[in-house]
Amino acid sequence: IWIQWCLGSLSDADVVAFLQRCRKGLADPGGLLVIKDNVFDVQSCTDAWEKGSDGAKYLVDQNDNSVIRSREHFKALLDRCGLQQVCPPRNADLGTDELYPVEMHALR
């Protein structure tokens, strides 16, 4: 299952529910879920990020109202879904510095 730049349009609860359904739909053995999405580092981000009531850190894109989650928060959501990393997350080099970092996660 390939998920690319759509989780930012979902609430945290919807992300967890969606990924749990995806996990159940993976072929066994060997099924793989790949997520490609923007993240940001709280320590190095110069934009004004927001903090949710649960402590989650995120940025809101004013153009489309999507969110970019902090790297830590994104990882916590994946953990809540019961998904395991197959390999360390990889940065997708898109050849521009104008975007927030894009990470790819391979999960089971």
N, C-alpha and C. Protein backbone atom coordinates (compact mmCIF):
# COMPACT_ATOMS: atom_id res chain seq x y z
N ILE A 1 0.87 -1.17 0.00
CA ILE A 1 0.00 0.00 0.00
C ILE A 1 0.90 1.22 0.00
N TRP A 2 0.66 2.15 -0.92
CA TRP A 2 1.47 3.37 -1.04
C TRP A 2 0.60 4.56 -0.64
N ILE A 3 1.06 5.33 0.35
CA ILE A 3 0.33 6.51 0.83
C ILE A 3 1.26 7.70 0.68
N GLN A 4 0.89 8.65 -0.14
CA GLN A 4 1.76 9.78 -0.42
C GLN A 4 1.01 11.09 -0.26
N TRP A 5 1.46 11.91 0.66
CA TRP A 5 0.95 13.26 0.90
C TRP A 5 -0.57 13.33 1.03
N CYS A 6 -1.14 12.45 1.83
CA CYS A 6 -2.57 12.59 2.10
C CYS A 6 -2.87 12.59 3.61
N LEU A 7 -1.94 12.12 4.44
CA LEU A 7 -2.20 12.05 5.88
C LEU A 7 -2.31 13.43 6.50
N GLY A 8 -1.74 14.44 5.87
CA GLY A 8 -1.84 15.80 6.38
C GLY A 8 -3.23 16.39 6.29
N SER A 9 -4.11 15.71 5.55
CA SER A 9 -5.50 16.17 5.44
C SER A 9 -6.41 15.48 6.45
N LEU A 10 -5.84 14.58 7.25
CA LEU A 10 -6.62 13.82 8.22
C LEU A 10 -6.28 14.25 9.65
N SER A 11 -7.25 14.14 10.53
CA SER A 11 -6.99 14.35 11.95
C SER A 11 -6.14 13.19 12.47
N ASP A 12 -5.54 13.36 13.64
CA ASP A 12 -4.74 12.28 14.21
C ASP A 12 -5.56 11.01 14.39
N ALA A 13 -6.77 11.14 14.90
CA ALA A 13 -7.63 9.98 15.11
C ALA A 13 -7.93 9.27 13.78
N ASP A 14 -8.17 10.05 12.74
CA ASP A 14 -8.45 9.46 11.42
C ASP A 14 -7.21 8.79 10.84
N VAL A 15 -6.02 9.38 11.07
CA VAL A 15 -4.78 8.74 10.60
C VAL A 15 -4.62 7.38 11.26
N VAL A 16 -4.81 7.32 12.57
CA VAL A 16 -4.65 6.05 13.29
C VAL A 16 -5.66 5.02 12.78
N ALA A 17 -6.92 5.41 12.66
CA ALA A 17 -7.95 4.48 12.19
C ALA A 17 -7.64 3.99 10.78
N PHE A 18 -7.25 4.91 9.89
CA PHE A 18 -6.93 4.55 8.51
C PHE A 18 -5.76 3.59 8.44
N LEU A 19 -4.68 3.89 9.16
CA LEU A 19 -3.50 3.03 9.11
C LEU A 19 -3.75 1.67 9.75
N GLN A 20 -4.59 1.62 10.76
CA GLN A 20 -4.95 0.32 11.35
C GLN A 20 -5.72 -0.53 10.34
N ARG A 21 -6.61 0.10 9.57
CA ARG A 21 -7.33 -0.65 8.52
C ARG A 21 -6.37 -1.10 7.43
N CYS A 22 -5.43 -0.24 7.07
CA CYS A 22 -4.43 -0.63 6.06
C CYS A 22 -3.60 -1.81 6.55
N ARG A 23 -3.21 -1.76 7.82
CA ARG A 23 -2.39 -2.85 8.39
C ARG A 23 -3.12 -4.18 8.28
N LYS A 24 -4.42 -4.17 8.55
CA LYS A 24 -5.21 -5.40 8.45
C LYS A 24 -5.33 -5.90 7.02
N GLY A 25 -5.22 -4.99 6.05
CA GLY A 25 -5.35 -5.35 4.65
C GLY A 25 -4.06 -5.78 3.98
N LEU A 26 -2.95 -5.73 4.70
CA LEU A 26 -1.67 -6.12 4.10
C LEU A 26 -1.63 -7.62 3.82
N ALA A 27 -1.06 -7.99 2.68
CA ALA A 27 -0.87 -9.40 2.35
C ALA A 27 0.07 -10.02 3.38
N ASP A 28 -0.20 -11.25 3.72
CA ASP A 28 0.63 -11.93 4.71
C ASP A 28 1.22 -13.17 4.07
N PRO A 29 2.46 -13.42 4.07
CA PRO A 29 3.52 -12.58 4.59
C PRO A 29 4.02 -11.61 3.52
N GLY A 30 4.75 -10.64 3.95
CA GLY A 30 5.45 -9.77 3.01
C GLY A 30 4.75 -8.49 2.62
N GLY A 31 3.52 -8.27 3.06
CA GLY A 31 2.84 -7.03 2.72
C GLY A 31 3.59 -5.82 3.27
N LEU A 32 3.53 -4.74 2.56
CA LEU A 32 4.30 -3.57 2.94
C LEU A 32 3.44 -2.31 2.79
N LEU A 33 3.58 -1.41 3.75
CA LEU A 33 2.90 -0.12 3.72
C LEU A 33 4.00 0.93 3.62
N VAL A 34 3.93 1.79 2.60
CA VAL A 34 4.91 2.84 2.42
C VAL A 34 4.21 4.18 2.56
N ILE A 35 4.74 5.04 3.41
CA ILE A 35 4.19 6.38 3.62
C ILE A 35 5.25 7.39 3.23
N LYS A 36 4.84 8.34 2.41
CA LYS A 36 5.72 9.44 2.01
C LYS A 36 5.01 10.73 2.39
N ASP A 37 5.62 11.50 3.29
CA ASP A 37 4.95 12.71 3.76
C ASP A 37 5.98 13.70 4.31
N ASN A 38 5.55 14.95 4.42
CA ASN A 38 6.40 15.99 5.01
C ASN A 38 6.40 15.87 6.52
N VAL A 39 7.53 16.20 7.12
CA VAL A 39 7.68 16.28 8.57
C VAL A 39 8.53 17.52 8.85
N PHE A 40 8.63 17.88 10.13
CA PHE A 40 9.55 18.96 10.49
C PHE A 40 10.20 18.65 11.82
N ASP A 41 11.37 19.22 12.02
CA ASP A 41 12.09 19.09 13.28
C ASP A 41 11.79 20.30 14.13
N VAL A 42 11.30 20.08 15.33
CA VAL A 42 10.93 21.17 16.23
C VAL A 42 12.12 22.06 16.51
N GLN A 43 13.30 21.47 16.72
CA GLN A 43 14.48 22.24 17.10
C GLN A 43 14.96 23.17 15.98
N SER A 44 14.79 22.77 14.73
CA SER A 44 15.35 23.57 13.64
C SER A 44 14.29 24.33 12.83
N CYS A 45 13.03 24.17 13.16
CA CYS A 45 11.96 24.83 12.41
C CYS A 45 11.87 26.30 12.81
N THR A 46 11.93 27.17 11.80
CA THR A 46 11.84 28.61 12.07
C THR A 46 10.42 29.14 11.94
N ASP A 47 9.51 28.32 11.40
CA ASP A 47 8.11 28.73 11.29
C ASP A 47 7.40 28.55 12.63
N ALA A 48 6.31 29.25 12.80
CA ALA A 48 5.55 29.17 14.05
C ALA A 48 4.70 27.90 14.06
N TRP A 49 5.16 26.91 14.79
CA TRP A 49 4.40 25.68 14.90
C TRP A 49 3.42 25.79 16.06
N GLU A 50 2.42 24.94 16.03
CA GLU A 50 1.38 24.96 17.05
C GLU A 50 1.49 23.71 17.90
N LYS A 51 0.91 23.80 19.09
CA LYS A 51 0.94 22.67 20.01
C LYS A 51 -0.49 22.30 20.36
N GLY A 52 -0.85 21.05 20.08
CA GLY A 52 -2.19 20.58 20.38
C GLY A 52 -2.38 20.33 21.86
N SER A 53 -3.62 20.07 22.25
CA SER A 53 -3.93 19.84 23.66
C SER A 53 -3.23 18.59 24.20
N ASP A 54 -2.87 17.67 23.29
CA ASP A 54 -2.18 16.45 23.71
C ASP A 54 -0.66 16.60 23.63
N GLY A 55 -0.18 17.82 23.34
CA GLY A 55 1.25 18.08 23.26
C GLY A 55 1.83 17.87 21.88
N ALA A 56 1.02 17.43 20.93
CA ALA A 56 1.50 17.20 19.56
C ALA A 56 1.90 18.53 18.93
N LYS A 57 2.98 18.49 18.16
CA LYS A 57 3.46 19.70 17.50
C LYS A 57 3.23 19.57 16.00
N TYR A 58 2.69 20.63 15.40
CA TYR A 58 2.37 20.58 13.98
C TYR A 58 2.35 21.99 13.39
N LEU A 59 2.45 22.05 12.07
CA LEU A 59 2.32 23.29 11.31
C LEU A 59 1.04 23.20 10.50
N VAL A 60 0.36 24.32 10.32
CA VAL A 60 -0.84 24.35 9.50
C VAL A 60 -0.53 25.10 8.21
N ASP A 61 -0.81 24.45 7.08
CA ASP A 61 -0.64 25.08 5.77
C ASP A 61 -1.87 25.95 5.53
N GLN A 62 -1.68 27.25 5.50
CA GLN A 62 -2.80 28.19 5.36
C GLN A 62 -3.45 28.12 3.99
N ASN A 63 -2.77 27.55 2.99
CA ASN A 63 -3.35 27.44 1.65
C ASN A 63 -4.41 26.35 1.55
N ASP A 64 -4.16 25.22 2.19
CA ASP A 64 -5.10 24.10 2.05
C ASP A 64 -5.56 23.50 3.38
N ASN A 65 -5.13 24.11 4.49
CA ASN A 65 -5.51 23.68 5.84
C ASN A 65 -5.01 22.28 6.20
N SER A 66 -4.04 21.78 5.47
CA SER A 66 -3.45 20.51 5.86
C SER A 66 -2.43 20.78 6.97
N VAL A 67 -1.96 19.71 7.59
CA VAL A 67 -0.97 19.86 8.65
C VAL A 67 0.30 19.10 8.29
N ILE A 68 1.40 19.62 8.80
CA ILE A 68 2.68 18.92 8.74
C ILE A 68 3.02 18.62 10.19
N ARG A 69 3.18 17.35 10.49
CA ARG A 69 3.44 16.94 11.87
C ARG A 69 4.94 16.93 12.15
N SER A 70 5.26 17.16 13.42
CA SER A 70 6.66 17.05 13.80
C SER A 70 7.08 15.59 13.63
N ARG A 71 8.37 15.40 13.42
CA ARG A 71 8.91 14.04 13.23
C ARG A 71 8.54 13.16 14.42
N GLU A 72 8.63 13.68 15.63
CA GLU A 72 8.31 12.91 16.83
C GLU A 72 6.84 12.53 16.88
N HIS A 73 5.98 13.48 16.54
CA HIS A 73 4.54 13.21 16.58
C HIS A 73 4.15 12.20 15.51
N PHE A 74 4.73 12.32 14.32
CA PHE A 74 4.45 11.37 13.25
C PHE A 74 4.83 9.96 13.68
N LYS A 75 6.01 9.81 14.30
CA LYS A 75 6.46 8.50 14.79
C LYS A 75 5.51 7.96 15.85
N ALA A 76 5.03 8.83 16.74
CA ALA A 76 4.09 8.39 17.78
C ALA A 76 2.80 7.87 17.17
N LEU A 77 2.31 8.51 16.10
CA LEU A 77 1.10 8.03 15.43
C LEU A 77 1.32 6.64 14.83
N LEU A 78 2.48 6.44 14.21
CA LEU A 78 2.78 5.13 13.63
C LEU A 78 2.83 4.06 14.73
N ASP A 79 3.41 4.39 15.86
CA ASP A 79 3.47 3.46 16.99
C ASP A 79 2.08 3.10 17.49
N ARG A 80 1.17 4.08 17.54
CA ARG A 80 -0.20 3.83 18.00
C ARG A 80 -0.94 2.87 17.09
N CYS A 81 -0.54 2.79 15.84
CA CYS A 81 -1.21 1.92 14.86
C CYS A 81 -0.71 0.49 14.92
N GLY A 82 0.33 0.24 15.68
CA GLY A 82 0.89 -1.10 15.75
C GLY A 82 1.75 -1.46 14.55
N LEU A 83 2.22 -0.46 13.84
CA LEU A 83 3.07 -0.69 12.67
C LEU A 83 4.54 -0.67 13.08
N GLN A 84 5.33 -1.53 12.46
CA GLN A 84 6.75 -1.62 12.75
C GLN A 84 7.55 -1.16 11.53
N GLN A 85 8.59 -0.38 11.76
CA GLN A 85 9.46 0.06 10.68
C GLN A 85 10.23 -1.14 10.15
N VAL A 86 10.24 -1.30 8.83
CA VAL A 86 11.02 -2.35 8.19
C VAL A 86 12.48 -1.92 8.07
N CYS A 87 12.69 -0.62 7.87
CA CYS A 87 14.03 -0.03 7.78
C CYS A 87 13.92 1.39 8.30
N PRO A 88 15.03 2.03 8.59
CA PRO A 88 14.95 3.42 9.07
C PRO A 88 14.27 4.31 8.02
N PRO A 89 13.55 5.35 8.48
CA PRO A 89 12.94 6.28 7.53
C PRO A 89 14.01 6.88 6.62
N ARG A 90 13.63 7.13 5.38
CA ARG A 90 14.58 7.72 4.43
C ARG A 90 14.08 9.08 4.00
N ASN A 91 15.02 9.99 3.84
CA ASN A 91 14.68 11.31 3.32
C ASN A 91 14.57 11.22 1.81
N ALA A 92 13.51 11.79 1.27
CA ALA A 92 13.34 11.85 -0.18
C ALA A 92 13.93 13.16 -0.66
N ASP A 93 15.01 13.08 -1.41
CA ASP A 93 15.66 14.28 -1.92
C ASP A 93 14.92 14.74 -3.17
N LEU A 94 14.16 15.81 -3.03
CA LEU A 94 13.37 16.32 -4.15
C LEU A 94 14.07 17.46 -4.88
N GLY A 95 15.31 17.74 -4.49
CA GLY A 95 16.11 18.73 -5.19
C GLY A 95 15.72 20.18 -4.94
N THR A 96 15.04 20.43 -3.83
CA THR A 96 14.66 21.80 -3.50
C THR A 96 14.73 22.01 -2.00
N ASP A 97 15.07 23.20 -1.61
CA ASP A 97 15.08 23.56 -0.19
C ASP A 97 13.81 24.29 0.21
N GLU A 98 12.87 24.41 -0.72
CA GLU A 98 11.65 25.17 -0.46
C GLU A 98 10.58 24.36 0.26
N LEU A 99 10.79 23.05 0.39
CA LEU A 99 9.81 22.19 1.03
C LEU A 99 10.30 21.76 2.40
N TYR A 100 9.37 21.38 3.26
CA TYR A 100 9.75 20.74 4.51
C TYR A 100 10.29 19.38 4.16
N PRO A 101 11.12 18.80 5.04
CA PRO A 101 11.67 17.49 4.73
C PRO A 101 10.58 16.47 4.42
N VAL A 102 10.86 15.63 3.44
CA VAL A 102 9.94 14.56 3.05
C VAL A 102 10.58 13.24 3.48
N GLU A 103 9.85 12.48 4.27
CA GLU A 103 10.34 11.18 4.72
C GLU A 103 9.51 10.07 4.12
N MET A 104 10.19 8.96 3.87
CA MET A 104 9.50 7.75 3.42
C MET A 104 9.68 6.68 4.50
N HIS A 105 8.56 6.05 4.86
CA HIS A 105 8.55 5.01 5.88
C HIS A 105 8.05 3.72 5.25
N ALA A 106 8.80 2.64 5.45
CA ALA A 106 8.37 1.30 5.04
C ALA A 106 7.97 0.55 6.31
N LEU A 107 6.72 0.09 6.34
CA LEU A 107 6.16 -0.45 7.59
C LEU A 107 5.43 -1.78 7.36
N ARG A 108 5.32 -2.53 8.43
CA ARG A 108 4.49 -3.75 8.46
C ARG A 108 3.69 -3.75 9.73
